[in-house]
PDB file of N, CA and C in Angstrom:
ATOM      1  N   MET A   1      -0.017   7.003  16.219  1.00  0.00           N
ATOM      2  CA  MET A   1      -0.494   5.921  15.830  1.00  0.00           C
ATOM      3  C   MET A   1       1.437   5.619  15.918  1.00  0.00           C
ATOM      4  N   ALA A   2       2.177   4.759  15.977  1.00  0.00           N
ATOM      5  CA  ALA A   2       2.770   4.810  16.138  1.00  0.00           C
ATOM      6  C   ALA A   2       3.291   3.761  15.389  1.00  0.00           C
ATOM      7  N   PRO A   3       5.129   3.227  15.202  1.00  0.00           N
ATOM      8  CA  PRO A   3       4.781   2.193  13.687  1.00  0.00           C
ATOM      9  C   PRO A   3       5.486   0.844  13.975  1.00  0.00           C
ATOM     10  N   PRO A   4       5.299   0.270  13.070  1.00  0.00           N
ATOM     11  CA  PRO A   4       4.249  -1.522  13.704  1.00  0.00           C
ATOM     12  C   PRO A   4       5.856  -1.660  14.226  1.00  0.00           C
ATOM     13  N   LYS A   5       5.779  -3.347  15.406  1.00  0.00           N
ATOM     14  CA  LYS A   5       7.227  -3.122  15.978  1.00  0.00           C
ATOM     15  C   LYS A   5       7.581  -3.901  15.406  1.00  0.00           C
ATOM     16  N   LYS A   6       6.753  -5.659  14.902  1.00  0.00           N
ATOM     17  CA  LYS A   6       8.052  -6.625  14.427  1.00  0.00           C
ATOM     18  C   LYS A   6       7.662  -6.368  12.958  1.00  0.00           C
ATOM     19  N   ASP A   7       8.541  -7.160  12.036  1.00  0.00           N
ATOM     20  CA  ASP A   7       8.604  -7.107  10.278  1.00  0.00           C
ATOM     21  C   ASP A   7       8.550  -6.316   9.699  1.00  0.00           C
ATOM     22  N   THR A   8       9.631  -4.799  10.462  1.00  0.00           N
ATOM     23  CA  THR A   8      10.063  -4.079   9.733  1.00  0.00           C
ATOM     24  C   THR A   8      11.310  -3.754   9.567  1.00  0.00           C
ATOM     25  N   GLU A   9      11.363  -3.145   9.023  1.00  0.00           N
ATOM     26  CA  GLU A   9      12.810  -2.965   7.607  1.00  0.00           C
ATOM     27  C   GLU A   9      12.870  -1.249   7.672  1.00  0.00           C
ATOM     28  N   ALA A  10      14.378  -0.701   8.319  1.00  0.00           N
ATOM     29  CA  ALA A  10      14.374   0.544   7.996  1.00  0.00           C
ATOM     30  C   ALA A  10      14.984   0.862   6.366  1.00  0.00           C
ATOM     31  N   LEU A  11      14.188   2.345   6.298  1.00  0.00           N
ATOM     32  CA  LEU A  11      14.294   3.269   4.743  1.00  0.00           C
ATOM     33  C   LEU A  11      15.078   3.759   4.440  1.00  0.00           C
ATOM     34  N   THR A  12      15.747   4.614   4.061  1.00  0.00           N
ATOM     35  CA  THR A  12      16.558   5.608   4.034  1.00  0.00           C
ATOM     36  C   THR A  12      16.263   6.829   2.611  1.00  0.00           C
ATOM     37  N   LEU A  13      15.800   7.531   2.385  1.00  0.00           N
ATOM     38  CA  LEU A  13      15.107   8.675   1.488  1.00  0.00           C
ATOM     39  C   LEU A  13      15.668   9.419   1.418  1.00  0.00           C
ATOM     40  N   ARG A  14      15.963   9.823   0.114  1.00  0.00           N
ATOM     41  CA  ARG A  14      16.132  11.636  -0.175  1.00  0.00           C
ATOM     42  C   ARG A  14      14.994  12.113  -1.119  1.00  0.00           C
ATOM     43  N   LEU A  15      14.557  13.378  -0.554  1.00  0.00           N
ATOM     44  CA  LEU A  15      12.970  14.236  -0.692  1.00  0.00           C
ATOM     45  C   LEU A  15      14.045  15.440  -1.523  1.00  0.00           C
ATOM     46  N   SER A  16      12.981  16.394  -2.011  1.00  0.00           N
ATOM     47  CA  SER A  16      13.662  17.853  -2.522  1.00  0.00           C
ATOM     48  C   SER A  16      13.091  18.722  -1.223  1.00  0.00           C
ATOM     49  N   ARG A  17      13.400  19.627  -1.272  1.00  0.00           N
ATOM     50  CA  ARG A  17      13.782  20.617   0.789  1.00  0.00           C
ATOM     51  C   ARG A  17      11.889  20.919  -0.170  1.00  0.00           C
ATOM     52  N   SER A  18      11.009  20.999  -1.286  1.00  0.00           N
ATOM     53  CA  SER A  18      10.259  21.004  -1.790  1.00  0.00           C
ATOM     54  C   SER A  18       8.939  20.029  -1.159  1.00  0.00           C
ATOM     55  N   MET A  19       8.849  18.986  -1.488  1.00  0.00           N
ATOM     56  CA  MET A  19       8.550  18.425  -0.964  1.00  0.00           C
ATOM     57  C   MET A  19       8.306  17.995   1.151  1.00  0.00           C
ATOM     58  N   ILE A  20      10.286  18.092   0.823  1.00  0.00           N
ATOM     59  CA  ILE A  20      10.242  18.276   3.123  1.00  0.00           C
ATOM     60  C   ILE A  20       9.113  18.824   3.623  1.00  0.00           C
ATOM     61  N   ASP A  21       9.026  19.931   2.719  1.00  0.00           N
ATOM     62  CA  ASP A  21       7.618  21.167   3.241  1.00  0.00           C
ATOM     63  C   ASP A  21       6.446  21.063   2.707  1.00  0.00           C
ATOM     64  N   ALA A  22       6.347  20.479   1.526  1.00  0.00           N
ATOM     65  CA  ALA A  22       4.804  20.176   1.666  1.00  0.00           C
ATOM     66  C   ALA A  22       4.716  19.008   2.345  1.00  0.00           C
ATOM     67  N   ILE A  23       5.360  18.282   3.045  1.00  0.00           N
ATOM     68  CA  ILE A  23       5.447  16.681   4.018  1.00  0.00           C
ATOM     69  C   ILE A  23       4.990  18.013   5.665  1.00  0.00           C
ATOM     70  N   ASP A  24       5.679  18.954   5.812  1.00  0.00           N
ATOM     71  CA  ASP A  24       5.384  19.648   7.002  1.00  0.00           C
ATOM     72  C   ASP A  24       4.580  20.050   7.201  1.00  0.00           C
ATOM     73  N   GLU A  25       4.111  21.254   5.842  1.00  0.00           N
ATOM     74  CA  GLU A  25       2.727  21.868   6.283  1.00  0.00           C
ATOM     75  C   GLU A  25       0.697  20.909   6.691  1.00  0.00           C
ATOM     76  N   ARG A  26       2.157  19.588   5.611  1.00  0.00           N
ATOM     77  CA  ARG A  26       0.351  18.515   5.729  1.00  0.00           C
ATOM     78  C   ARG A  26       0.370  18.334   6.882  1.00  0.00           C
ATOM     79  N   ARG A  27       1.201  17.604   7.774  1.00  0.00           N
ATOM     80  CA  ARG A  27       1.558  16.993   9.324  1.00  0.00           C
ATOM     81  C   ARG A  27       0.609  17.948  10.239  1.00  0.00           C
ATOM     82  N   ARG A  28       0.991  19.344  10.319  1.00  0.00           N
ATOM     83  CA  ARG A  28       0.468  20.509  10.265  1.00  0.00           C
ATOM     84  C   ARG A  28      -1.620  20.693  10.834  1.00  0.00           C
ATOM     85  N   LEU A  29      -1.574  20.196   9.549  1.00  0.00           N
ATOM     86  CA  LEU A  29      -3.423  19.753   9.424  1.00  0.00           C
ATOM     87  C   LEU A  29      -3.561  19.378  10.533  1.00  0.00           C
ATOM     88  N   GLU A  30      -2.384  17.872  10.935  1.00  0.00           N
ATOM     89  CA  GLU A  30      -3.329  16.710  11.090  1.00  0.00           C
ATOM     90  C   GLU A  30      -3.499  17.439  12.973  1.00  0.00           C
ATOM     91  N   ALA A  31      -4.331  16.926  13.443  1.00  0.00           N
ATOM     92  CA  ALA A  31      -5.127  16.821  15.130  1.00  0.00           C
ATOM     93  C   ALA A  31      -3.555  16.445  15.741  1.00  0.00           C
ATOM     94  N   ASP A  32      -2.836  15.286  16.040  1.00  0.00           N
ATOM     95  CA  ASP A  32      -1.812  15.062  16.606  1.00  0.00           C
ATOM     96  C   ASP A  32      -0.438  15.457  16.200  1.00  0.00           C
ATOM     97  N   ILE A  33       0.124  15.886  14.742  1.00  0.00           N
ATOM     98  CA  ILE A  33       1.011  16.804  15.034  1.00  0.00           C
ATOM     99  C   ILE A  33       2.018  15.095  14.383  1.00  0.00           C
ATOM    100  N   PRO A  34       1.503  14.546  13.825  1.00  0.00           N
ATOM    101  CA  PRO A  34       2.813  13.754  13.548  1.00  0.00           C
ATOM    102  C   PRO A  34       4.473  13.793  12.918  1.00  0.00           C
ATOM    103  N   THR A  35       5.404  13.040  13.550  1.00  0.00           N
ATOM    104  CA  THR A  35       6.263  13.124  12.876  1.00  0.00           C
ATOM    105  C   THR A  35       6.801  12.924  11.407  1.00  0.00           C
ATOM    106  N   ARG A  36       8.036  13.312  11.337  1.00  0.00           N
ATOM    107  CA  ARG A  36       7.702  13.033   9.563  1.00  0.00           C
ATOM    108  C   ARG A  36       7.265  11.762   8.437  1.00  0.00           C
ATOM    109  N   PRO A  37       8.025  10.644   9.741  1.00  0.00           N
ATOM    110  CA  PRO A  37       8.447   9.853  10.118  1.00  0.00           C
ATOM    111  C   PRO A  37       6.748   9.315   9.489  1.00  0.00           C
ATOM    112  N   GLU A  38       6.270   8.930  10.117  1.00  0.00           N
ATOM    113  CA  GLU A  38       4.457   9.143  10.445  1.00  0.00           C
ATOM    114  C   GLU A  38       3.671   9.610   9.895  1.00  0.00           C
ATOM    115  N   MET A  39       4.001  10.320   9.124  1.00  0.00           N
ATOM    116  CA  MET A  39       2.791  10.821   8.323  1.00  0.00           C
ATOM    117  C   MET A  39       3.315  10.622   6.539  1.00  0.00           C
ATOM    118  N   ILE A  40       4.593  10.267   6.545  1.00  0.00           N
ATOM    119  CA  ILE A  40       5.261   9.545   5.181  1.00  0.00           C
ATOM    120  C   ILE A  40       3.827   8.205   5.207  1.00  0.00           C
ATOM    121  N   ARG A  41       4.501   7.601   6.385  1.00  0.00           N
ATOM    122  CA  ARG A  41       3.131   5.965   6.657  1.00  0.00           C
ATOM    123  C   ARG A  41       3.011   6.073   6.073  1.00  0.00           C
ATOM    124  N   ARG A  42       1.388   6.996   7.123  1.00  0.00           N
ATOM    125  CA  ARG A  42      -0.512   7.385   6.383  1.00  0.00           C
ATOM    126  C   ARG A  42      -0.608   8.001   5.283  1.00  0.00           C
ATOM    127  N   VAL A  43       0.679   8.507   4.602  1.00  0.00           N
ATOM    128  CA  VAL A  43       0.363   8.493   3.040  1.00  0.00           C
ATOM    129  C   VAL A  43       0.663   7.519   2.573  1.00  0.00           C
ATOM    130  N   LEU A  44       1.840   6.746   3.119  1.00  0.00           N
ATOM    131  CA  LEU A  44       1.601   5.595   1.872  1.00  0.00           C
ATOM    132  C   LEU A  44       0.326   4.588   2.498  1.00  0.00           C
ATOM    133  N   GLU A  45       0.376   4.119   3.565  1.00  0.00           N
ATOM    134  CA  GLU A  45      -0.847   3.880   3.959  1.00  0.00           C
ATOM    135  C   GLU A  45      -2.600   3.716   2.903  1.00  0.00           C
ATOM    136  N   LYS A  46      -2.362   4.823   2.764  1.00  0.00           N
ATOM    137  CA  LYS A  46      -3.986   5.187   2.469  1.00  0.00           C
ATOM    138  C   LYS A  46      -3.450   5.241   1.405  1.00  0.00           C
ATOM    139  N   TRP A  47      -2.531   5.623  -0.198  1.00  0.00           N
ATOM    140  CA  TRP A  47      -2.406   5.877  -0.945  1.00  0.00           C
ATOM    141  C   TRP A  47      -2.309   4.133  -1.405  1.00  0.00           C
ATOM    142  N   LEU A  48      -1.654   2.928  -0.357  1.00  0.00           N
ATOM    143  CA  LEU A  48      -2.027   1.417  -1.281  1.00  0.00           C
ATOM    144  C   LEU A  48      -3.305   0.496  -0.586  1.00  0.00           C
ATOM    145  N   GLN A  49      -3.336   1.548   0.213  1.00  0.00           N
ATOM    146  CA  GLN A  49      -5.191   1.294   0.830  1.00  0.00           C
ATOM    147  C   GLN A  49      -4.799  -0.182   1.332  1.00  0.00           C
ATOM    148  N   ILE A  50      -4.155   0.295   2.763  1.00  0.00           N
ATOM    149  CA  ILE A  50      -3.295  -0.948   3.501  1.00  0.00           C
ATOM    150  C   ILE A  50      -4.664  -0.588   4.206  1.00  0.00           C
ATOM    151  N   ASP A  51      -4.683  -2.001   5.533  1.00  0.00           N
ATOM    152  CA  ASP A  51      -5.286  -1.680   6.382  1.00  0.00           C
ATOM    153  C   ASP A  51      -4.159  -1.795   8.149  1.00  0.00           C
ATOM    154  N   THR A  52      -3.974  -1.656   8.794  1.00  0.00           N
ATOM    155  CA  THR A  52      -2.280  -1.461   9.228  1.00  0.00           C
ATOM    156  C   THR A  52      -3.638  -2.469  11.087  1.00  0.00           C
ATOM    157  N   GLU A  53      -4.642  -1.814  10.644  1.00  0.00           N
ATOM    158  CA  GLU A  53      -4.558  -1.620  12.381  1.00  0.00           C
ATOM    159  C   GLU A  53      -5.369  -3.161  12.388  1.00  0.00           C
ATOM    160  N   GLN A  54      -5.329  -4.086  10.863  1.00  0.00           N
ATOM    161  CA  GLN A  54      -6.311  -5.617  10.858  1.00  0.00           C
ATOM    162  C   GLN A  54      -4.850  -6.079  10.766  1.00  0.00           C
ATOM    163  N   GLN A  55      -3.527  -5.569  11.040  1.00  0.00           N
ATOM    164  CA  GLN A  55      -2.067  -6.859  10.547  1.00  0.00           C
ATOM    165  C   GLN A  55      -1.271  -7.167  12.623  1.00  0.00           C
TER     166      GLN A  55
END
């Protein structure tokens, strides 16, 4: 899944090494091994219950 092309804004975020390691571990469980930013988008979409395919 690629990031949306329209109506987006860059975001800089600092995370602890342990959180980055946890994200990387979870990424490896995905069939397509998403990038870190994509994995964070997926987590946020699920947590916020946003259906990006309808946007």
